[in-house]
Amino acid sequence: MEEWTKQVVAEFGLDSAALDQTVVLDIAKDVAHGVARPAAPLTTFLVGVAVGRGMSLSEAAVTVTAMAAGWAEGNGLQTESNHK
């Protein structure tokens, strides 16, 4: 996965320092578990759009993680965060 990511970053001429792979994967995990699996790639795309428009990745991550937790709680789903 690391080599793939390097190639995509290079192909698009992106700054690899702007990518925090752990944060992006955590967003996908939280959304997949708290909302629905198909929502994970769509949400990470939307986070990318928001970051491209000037929002910081950390701010977007906090926002989406809170939204996913609220979604899970609002729909009566039990997530790992509900048990802590």
PDB file of N, CA and C in Angstrom:
ATOM      1  N   MET A   1       0.825  -1.183   0.000  1.00  0.00           N
ATOM      2  CA  MET A   1       0.000   0.000   0.000  1.00  0.00           C
ATOM      3  C   MET A   1       0.876   1.255   0.000  1.00  0.00           C
ATOM      4  N   GLU A   2       1.999   1.171   0.685  1.00  0.00           N
ATOM      5  CA  GLU A   2       2.885   2.333   0.768  1.00  0.00           C
ATOM      6  C   GLU A   2       3.419   2.728  -0.612  1.00  0.00           C
ATOM      7  N   GLU A   3       3.825   1.725  -1.392  1.00  0.00           N
ATOM      8  CA  GLU A   3       4.347   2.002  -2.734  1.00  0.00           C
ATOM      9  C   GLU A   3       3.254   2.560  -3.643  1.00  0.00           C
ATOM     10  N   TRP A   4       2.065   2.012  -3.536  1.00  0.00           N
ATOM     11  CA  TRP A   4       0.924   2.515  -4.314  1.00  0.00           C
ATOM     12  C   TRP A   4       0.671   3.983  -3.986  1.00  0.00           C
ATOM     13  N   THR A   5       0.650   4.297  -2.711  1.00  0.00           N
ATOM     14  CA  THR A   5       0.400   5.672  -2.285  1.00  0.00           C
ATOM     15  C   THR A   5       1.472   6.609  -2.832  1.00  0.00           C
ATOM     16  N   LYS A   6       2.722   6.189  -2.771  1.00  0.00           N
ATOM     17  CA  LYS A   6       3.815   7.009  -3.312  1.00  0.00           C
ATOM     18  C   LYS A   6       3.613   7.271  -4.801  1.00  0.00           C
ATOM     19  N   GLN A   7       3.193   6.249  -5.520  1.00  0.00           N
ATOM     20  CA  GLN A   7       2.994   6.407  -6.961  1.00  0.00           C
ATOM     21  C   GLN A   7       1.836   7.339  -7.276  1.00  0.00           C
ATOM     22  N   VAL A   8       0.742   7.231  -6.524  1.00  0.00           N
ATOM     23  CA  VAL A   8      -0.408   8.115  -6.746  1.00  0.00           C
ATOM     24  C   VAL A   8      -0.035   9.554  -6.421  1.00  0.00           C
ATOM     25  N   VAL A   9       0.655   9.764  -5.311  1.00  0.00           N
ATOM     26  CA  VAL A   9       1.109  11.107  -4.932  1.00  0.00           C
ATOM     27  C   VAL A   9       1.981  11.690  -6.044  1.00  0.00           C
ATOM     28  N   ALA A  10       2.903  10.909  -6.554  1.00  0.00           N
ATOM     29  CA  ALA A  10       3.794  11.372  -7.622  1.00  0.00           C
ATOM     30  C   ALA A  10       3.012  11.668  -8.898  1.00  0.00           C
ATOM     31  N   GLU A  11       2.097  10.799  -9.253  1.00  0.00           N
ATOM     32  CA  GLU A  11       1.313  10.967 -10.484  1.00  0.00           C
ATOM     33  C   GLU A  11       0.499  12.262 -10.461  1.00  0.00           C
ATOM     34  N   PHE A  12      -0.053  12.596  -9.301  1.00  0.00           N
ATOM     35  CA  PHE A  12      -0.860  13.805  -9.179  1.00  0.00           C
ATOM     36  C   PHE A  12      -0.041  15.040  -8.812  1.00  0.00           C
ATOM     37  N   GLY A  13       1.254  14.859  -8.618  1.00  0.00           N
ATOM     38  CA  GLY A  13       2.110  15.984  -8.272  1.00  0.00           C
ATOM     39  C   GLY A  13       1.784  16.580  -6.911  1.00  0.00           C
ATOM     40  N   LEU A  14       1.434  15.717  -5.975  1.00  0.00           N
ATOM     41  CA  LEU A  14       1.059  16.170  -4.632  1.00  0.00           C
ATOM     42  C   LEU A  14       2.260  16.168  -3.702  1.00  0.00           C
ATOM     43  N   ASP A  15       2.138  16.920  -2.638  1.00  0.00           N
ATOM     44  CA  ASP A  15       3.162  16.956  -1.601  1.00  0.00           C
ATOM     45  C   ASP A  15       2.899  15.802  -0.636  1.00  0.00           C
ATOM     46  N   SER A  16       3.802  14.847  -0.576  1.00  0.00           N
ATOM     47  CA  SER A  16       3.592  13.690   0.289  1.00  0.00           C
ATOM     48  C   SER A  16       3.522  14.067   1.761  1.00  0.00           C
ATOM     49  N   ALA A  17       4.074  15.209   2.124  1.00  0.00           N
ATOM     50  CA  ALA A  17       4.022  15.662   3.519  1.00  0.00           C
ATOM     51  C   ALA A  17       2.599  16.020   3.941  1.00  0.00           C
ATOM     52  N   ALA A  18       1.737  16.291   2.970  1.00  0.00           N
ATOM     53  CA  ALA A  18       0.360  16.670   3.283  1.00  0.00           C
ATOM     54  C   ALA A  18      -0.504  15.461   3.639  1.00  0.00           C
ATOM     55  N   LEU A  19      -0.001  14.269   3.356  1.00  0.00           N
ATOM     56  CA  LEU A  19      -0.775  13.058   3.599  1.00  0.00           C
ATOM     57  C   LEU A  19      -0.449  12.478   4.964  1.00  0.00           C
ATOM     58  N   ASP A  20      -1.472  12.334   5.764  1.00  0.00           N
ATOM     59  CA  ASP A  20      -1.334  11.609   7.026  1.00  0.00           C
ATOM     60  C   ASP A  20      -2.171  10.346   6.878  1.00  0.00           C
ATOM     61  N   GLN A  21      -1.525   9.300   6.415  1.00  0.00           N
ATOM     62  CA  GLN A  21      -2.205   8.050   6.089  1.00  0.00           C
ATOM     63  C   GLN A  21      -2.990   7.504   7.269  1.00  0.00           C
ATOM     64  N   THR A  22      -2.447   7.584   8.449  1.00  0.00           N
ATOM     65  CA  THR A  22      -3.127   7.065   9.637  1.00  0.00           C
ATOM     66  C   THR A  22      -4.452   7.776   9.863  1.00  0.00           C
ATOM     67  N   VAL A  23      -4.454   9.096   9.739  1.00  0.00           N
ATOM     68  CA  VAL A  23      -5.682   9.874   9.951  1.00  0.00           C
ATOM     69  C   VAL A  23      -6.731   9.487   8.914  1.00  0.00           C
ATOM     70  N   VAL A  24      -6.331   9.398   7.653  1.00  0.00           N
ATOM     71  CA  VAL A  24      -7.279   9.067   6.594  1.00  0.00           C
ATOM     72  C   VAL A  24      -7.867   7.670   6.805  1.00  0.00           C
ATOM     73  N   LEU A  25      -7.031   6.709   7.158  1.00  0.00           N
ATOM     74  CA  LEU A  25      -7.526   5.353   7.397  1.00  0.00           C
ATOM     75  C   LEU A  25      -8.417   5.292   8.636  1.00  0.00           C
ATOM     76  N   ASP A  26      -8.104   6.089   9.653  1.00  0.00           N
ATOM     77  CA  ASP A  26      -8.960   6.141  10.839  1.00  0.00           C
ATOM     78  C   ASP A  26     -10.333   6.725  10.506  1.00  0.00           C
ATOM     79  N   ILE A  27     -10.362   7.750   9.654  1.00  0.00           N
ATOM     80  CA  ILE A  27     -11.641   8.319   9.219  1.00  0.00           C
ATOM     81  C   ILE A  27     -12.466   7.234   8.538  1.00  0.00           C
ATOM     82  N   ALA A  28     -11.841   6.526   7.607  1.00  0.00           N
ATOM     83  CA  ALA A  28     -12.554   5.470   6.879  1.00  0.00           C
ATOM     84  C   ALA A  28     -13.078   4.399   7.831  1.00  0.00           C
ATOM     85  N   LYS A  29     -12.256   4.012   8.805  1.00  0.00           N
ATOM     86  CA  LYS A  29     -12.667   2.988   9.783  1.00  0.00           C
ATOM     87  C   LYS A  29     -13.857   3.475  10.605  1.00  0.00           C
ATOM     88  N   ASP A  30     -13.782   4.701  11.113  1.00  0.00           N
ATOM     89  CA  ASP A  30     -14.858   5.236  11.949  1.00  0.00           C
ATOM     90  C   ASP A  30     -16.173   5.328  11.174  1.00  0.00           C
ATOM     91  N   VAL A  31     -16.090   5.766   9.933  1.00  0.00           N
ATOM     92  CA  VAL A  31     -17.305   5.892   9.119  1.00  0.00           C
ATOM     93  C   VAL A  31     -17.839   4.510   8.744  1.00  0.00           C
ATOM     94  N   ALA A  32     -16.949   3.610   8.362  1.00  0.00           N
ATOM     95  CA  ALA A  32     -17.388   2.258   7.986  1.00  0.00           C
ATOM     96  C   ALA A  32     -18.096   1.564   9.146  1.00  0.00           C
ATOM     97  N   HIS A  33     -17.600   1.754  10.352  1.00  0.00           N
ATOM     98  CA  HIS A  33     -18.186   1.089  11.521  1.00  0.00           C
ATOM     99  C   HIS A  33     -19.367   1.860  12.085  1.00  0.00           C
ATOM    100  N   GLY A  34     -19.333   3.191  11.995  1.00  0.00           N
ATOM    101  CA  GLY A  34     -20.386   3.996  12.605  1.00  0.00           C
ATOM    102  C   GLY A  34     -21.545   4.330  11.685  1.00  0.00           C
ATOM    103  N   VAL A  35     -21.301   4.312  10.387  1.00  0.00           N
ATOM    104  CA  VAL A  35     -22.352   4.687   9.425  1.00  0.00           C
ATOM    105  C   VAL A  35     -22.657   3.483   8.531  1.00  0.00           C
ATOM    106  N   ALA A  36     -21.773   3.221   7.577  1.00  0.00           N
ATOM    107  CA  ALA A  36     -21.910   2.079   6.671  1.00  0.00           C
ATOM    108  C   ALA A  36     -20.622   1.950   5.883  1.00  0.00           C
ATOM    109  N   ARG A  37     -20.250   0.741   5.540  1.00  0.00           N
ATOM    110  CA  ARG A  37     -19.001   0.532   4.791  1.00  0.00           C
ATOM    111  C   ARG A  37     -18.934   1.349   3.512  1.00  0.00           C
ATOM    112  N   PRO A  38     -19.994   1.381   2.704  1.00  0.00           N
ATOM    113  CA  PRO A  38     -19.910   2.156   1.463  1.00  0.00           C
ATOM    114  C   PRO A  38     -19.733   3.656   1.695  1.00  0.00           C
ATOM    115  N   ALA A  39     -20.048   4.126   2.890  1.00  0.00           N
ATOM    116  CA  ALA A  39     -19.886   5.549   3.195  1.00  0.00           C
ATOM    117  C   ALA A  39     -18.422   5.927   3.410  1.00  0.00           C
ATOM    118  N   ALA A  40     -17.570   4.957   3.700  1.00  0.00           N
ATOM    119  CA  ALA A  40     -16.161   5.239   4.008  1.00  0.00           C
ATOM    120  C   ALA A  40     -15.402   5.859   2.829  1.00  0.00           C
ATOM    121  N   PRO A  41     -15.403   5.244   1.638  1.00  0.00           N
ATOM    122  CA  PRO A  41     -14.652   5.876   0.546  1.00  0.00           C
ATOM    123  C   PRO A  41     -15.252   7.201   0.116  1.00  0.00           C
ATOM    124  N   LEU A  42     -16.565   7.297   0.123  1.00  0.00           N
ATOM    125  CA  LEU A  42     -17.208   8.557  -0.248  1.00  0.00           C
ATOM    126  C   LEU A  42     -16.832   9.659   0.743  1.00  0.00           C
ATOM    127  N   THR A  43     -16.848   9.330   2.020  1.00  0.00           N
ATOM    128  CA  THR A  43     -16.516  10.320   3.047  1.00  0.00           C
ATOM    129  C   THR A  43     -15.057  10.739   2.960  1.00  0.00           C
ATOM    130  N   THR A  44     -14.159   9.793   2.728  1.00  0.00           N
ATOM    131  CA  THR A  44     -12.751  10.178   2.619  1.00  0.00           C
ATOM    132  C   THR A  44     -12.525  11.053   1.390  1.00  0.00           C
ATOM    133  N   PHE A  45     -13.263  10.810   0.315  1.00  0.00           N
ATOM    134  CA  PHE A  45     -13.198  11.697  -0.852  1.00  0.00           C
ATOM    135  C   PHE A  45     -13.664  13.098  -0.472  1.00  0.00           C
ATOM    136  N   LEU A  46     -14.787  13.187   0.217  1.00  0.00           N
ATOM    137  CA  LEU A  46     -15.327  14.490   0.615  1.00  0.00           C
ATOM    138  C   LEU A  46     -14.378  15.221   1.569  1.00  0.00           C
ATOM    139  N   VAL A  47     -13.737  14.484   2.451  1.00  0.00           N
ATOM    140  CA  VAL A  47     -12.725  15.092   3.325  1.00  0.00           C
ATOM    141  C   VAL A  47     -11.596  15.660   2.467  1.00  0.00           C
ATOM    142  N   GLY A  48     -11.184  14.917   1.454  1.00  0.00           N
ATOM    143  CA  GLY A  48     -10.146  15.400   0.551  1.00  0.00           C
ATOM    144  C   GLY A  48     -10.545  16.680  -0.158  1.00  0.00           C
ATOM    145  N   VAL A  49     -11.791  16.756  -0.579  1.00  0.00           N
ATOM    146  CA  VAL A  49     -12.292  17.979  -1.213  1.00  0.00           C
ATOM    147  C   VAL A  49     -12.242  19.135  -0.215  1.00  0.00           C
ATOM    148  N   ALA A  50     -12.693  18.881   1.007  1.00  0.00           N
ATOM    149  CA  ALA A  50     -12.685  19.931   2.035  1.00  0.00           C
ATOM    150  C   ALA A  50     -11.263  20.398   2.325  1.00  0.00           C
ATOM    151  N   VAL A  51     -10.328  19.460   2.402  1.00  0.00           N
ATOM    152  CA  VAL A  51      -8.932  19.818   2.646  1.00  0.00           C
ATOM    153  C   VAL A  51      -8.387  20.607   1.459  1.00  0.00           C
ATOM    154  N   GLY A  52      -8.752  20.199   0.255  1.00  0.00           N
ATOM    155  CA  GLY A  52      -8.330  20.933  -0.933  1.00  0.00           C
ATOM    156  C   GLY A  52      -8.856  22.356  -0.973  1.00  0.00           C
ATOM    157  N   ARG A  53      -9.960  22.582  -0.305  1.00  0.00           N
ATOM    158  CA  ARG A  53     -10.555  23.923  -0.242  1.00  0.00           C
ATOM    159  C   ARG A  53     -10.059  24.728   0.951  1.00  0.00           C
ATOM    160  N   GLY A  54      -9.132  24.147   1.718  1.00  0.00           N
ATOM    161  CA  GLY A  54      -8.512  24.931   2.782  1.00  0.00           C
ATOM    162  C   GLY A  54      -8.706  24.447   4.208  1.00  0.00           C
ATOM    163  N   MET A  55      -9.589  23.502   4.446  1.00  0.00           N
ATOM    164  CA  MET A  55      -9.764  22.977   5.802  1.00  0.00           C
ATOM    165  C   MET A  55      -8.565  22.092   6.128  1.00  0.00           C
ATOM    166  N   SER A  56      -8.120  22.120   7.356  1.00  0.00           N
ATOM    167  CA  SER A  56      -7.003  21.243   7.726  1.00  0.00           C
ATOM    168  C   SER A  56      -7.502  19.808   7.831  1.00  0.00           C
ATOM    169  N   LEU A  57      -6.616  18.867   7.575  1.00  0.00           N
ATOM    170  CA  LEU A  57      -6.981  17.459   7.681  1.00  0.00           C
ATOM    171  C   LEU A  57      -7.400  17.121   9.103  1.00  0.00           C
ATOM    172  N   SER A  58      -6.701  17.665  10.087  1.00  0.00           N
ATOM    173  CA  SER A  58      -7.053  17.353  11.476  1.00  0.00           C
ATOM    174  C   SER A  58      -8.449  17.877  11.823  1.00  0.00           C
ATOM    175  N   GLU A  59      -8.788  19.071  11.347  1.00  0.00           N
ATOM    176  CA  GLU A  59     -10.122  19.624  11.609  1.00  0.00           C
ATOM    177  C   GLU A  59     -11.195  18.780  10.919  1.00  0.00           C
ATOM    178  N   ALA A  60     -10.938  18.397   9.685  1.00  0.00           N
ATOM    179  CA  ALA A  60     -11.896  17.561   8.953  1.00  0.00           C
ATOM    180  C   ALA A  60     -12.059  16.211   9.635  1.00  0.00           C
ATOM    181  N   ALA A  61     -10.957  15.641  10.107  1.00  0.00           N
ATOM    182  CA  ALA A  61     -11.008  14.338  10.772  1.00  0.00           C
ATOM    183  C   ALA A  61     -11.827  14.401  12.054  1.00  0.00           C
ATOM    184  N   VAL A  62     -11.601  15.419  12.857  1.00  0.00           N
ATOM    185  CA  VAL A  62     -12.354  15.572  14.109  1.00  0.00           C
ATOM    186  C   VAL A  62     -13.841  15.729  13.802  1.00  0.00           C
ATOM    187  N   THR A  63     -14.162  16.534  12.808  1.00  0.00           N
ATOM    188  CA  THR A  63     -15.557  16.774  12.438  1.00  0.00           C
ATOM    189  C   THR A  63     -16.241  15.490  11.988  1.00  0.00           C
ATOM    190  N   VAL A  64     -15.613  14.769  11.062  1.00  0.00           N
ATOM    191  CA  VAL A  64     -16.228  13.560  10.516  1.00  0.00           C
ATOM    192  C   VAL A  64     -16.297  12.451  11.564  1.00  0.00           C
ATOM    193  N   THR A  65     -15.284  12.328  12.391  1.00  0.00           N
ATOM    194  CA  THR A  65     -15.306  11.310  13.439  1.00  0.00           C
ATOM    195  C   THR A  65     -16.455  11.570  14.408  1.00  0.00           C
ATOM    196  N   ALA A  66     -16.652  12.825  14.787  1.00  0.00           N
ATOM    197  CA  ALA A  66     -17.765  13.176  15.674  1.00  0.00           C
ATOM    198  C   ALA A  66     -19.104  12.914  14.991  1.00  0.00           C
ATOM    199  N   MET A  67     -19.184  13.248  13.710  1.00  0.00           N
ATOM    200  CA  MET A  67     -20.424  12.995  12.970  1.00  0.00           C
ATOM    201  C   MET A  67     -20.730  11.502  12.918  1.00  0.00           C
ATOM    202  N   ALA A  68     -19.721  10.680  12.649  1.00  0.00           N
ATOM    203  CA  ALA A  68     -19.921   9.230  12.565  1.00  0.00           C
ATOM    204  C   ALA A  68     -20.341   8.658  13.916  1.00  0.00           C
ATOM    205  N   ALA A  69     -19.728   9.148  14.992  1.00  0.00           N
ATOM    206  CA  ALA A  69     -20.102   8.682  16.334  1.00  0.00           C
ATOM    207  C   ALA A  69     -21.539   9.084  16.649  1.00  0.00           C
ATOM    208  N   GLY A  70     -21.889  10.312  16.313  1.00  0.00           N
ATOM    209  CA  GLY A  70     -23.257  10.773  16.538  1.00  0.00           C
ATOM    210  C   GLY A  70     -24.262  10.002  15.706  1.00  0.00           C
ATOM    211  N   TRP A  71     -23.871   9.678  14.478  1.00  0.00           N
ATOM    212  CA  TRP A  71     -24.739   8.896  13.601  1.00  0.00           C
ATOM    213  C   TRP A  71     -25.001   7.519  14.205  1.00  0.00           C
ATOM    214  N   ALA A  72     -23.945   6.877  14.662  1.00  0.00           N
ATOM    215  CA  ALA A  72     -24.074   5.548  15.248  1.00  0.00           C
ATOM    216  C   ALA A  72     -24.955   5.596  16.494  1.00  0.00           C
ATOM    217  N   GLU A  73     -24.728   6.571  17.345  1.00  0.00           N
ATOM    218  CA  GLU A  73     -25.520   6.695  18.572  1.00  0.00           C
ATOM    219  C   GLU A  73     -26.966   7.046  18.265  1.00  0.00           C
ATOM    220  N   GLY A  74     -27.169   7.931  17.295  1.00  0.00           N
ATOM    221  CA  GLY A  74     -28.517   8.351  16.924  1.00  0.00           C
ATOM    222  C   GLY A  74     -29.336   7.254  16.285  1.00  0.00           C
ATOM    223  N   ASN A  75     -28.660   6.285  15.703  1.00  0.00           N
ATOM    224  CA  ASN A  75     -29.353   5.178  15.061  1.00  0.00           C
ATOM    225  C   ASN A  75     -29.352   3.918  15.919  1.00  0.00           C
ATOM    226  N   GLY A  76     -28.954   4.051  17.170  1.00  0.00           N
ATOM    227  CA  GLY A  76     -29.002   2.933  18.098  1.00  0.00           C
ATOM    228  C   GLY A  76     -27.942   1.877  17.867  1.00  0.00           C
ATOM    229  N   LEU A  77     -26.899   2.211  17.117  1.00  0.00           N
ATOM    230  CA  LEU A  77     -25.843   1.247  16.847  1.00  0.00           C
ATOM    231  C   LEU A  77     -24.852   1.224  17.990  1.00  0.00           C
ATOM    232  N   GLN A  78     -24.365   0.072  18.286  1.00  0.00           N
ATOM    233  CA  GLN A  78     -23.334  -0.062  19.312  1.00  0.00           C
ATOM    234  C   GLN A  78     -21.981  -0.065  18.638  1.00  0.00           C
ATOM    235  N   THR A  79     -21.166   0.889  18.962  1.00  0.00           N
ATOM    236  CA  THR A  79     -19.808   0.950  18.425  1.00  0.00           C
ATOM    237  C   THR A  79     -18.841   0.807  19.577  1.00  0.00           C
ATOM    238  N   GLU A  80     -17.574   0.639  19.242  1.00  0.00           N
ATOM    239  CA  GLU A  80     -16.533   0.526  20.254  1.00  0.00           C
ATOM    240  C   GLU A  80     -16.519   1.748  21.162  1.00  0.00           C
ATOM    241  N   SER A  81     -16.733   2.943  20.570  1.00  0.00           N
ATOM    242  CA  SER A  81     -16.703   4.165  21.365  1.00  0.00           C
ATOM    243  C   SER A  81     -17.877   4.243  22.337  1.00  0.00           C
ATOM    244  N   ASN A  82     -18.985   3.557  22.034  1.00  0.00           N
ATOM    245  CA  ASN A  82     -20.122   3.537  22.948  1.00  0.00           C
ATOM    246  C   ASN A  82     -19.810   2.762  24.218  1.00  0.00           C
ATOM    247  N   HIS A  83     -18.849   1.862  24.149  1.00  0.00           N
ATOM    248  CA  HIS A  83     -18.561   0.993  25.279  1.00  0.00           C
ATOM    249  C   HIS A  83     -17.474   1.535  26.194  1.00  0.00           C
ATOM    250  N   LYS A  84     -16.864   2.646  25.837  1.00  0.00           N
ATOM    251  CA  LYS A  84     -15.773   3.191  26.648  1.00  0.00           C
ATOM    252  C   LYS A  84     -16.296   4.067  27.743  1.00  0.00           C
TER     253      LYS A  84
END
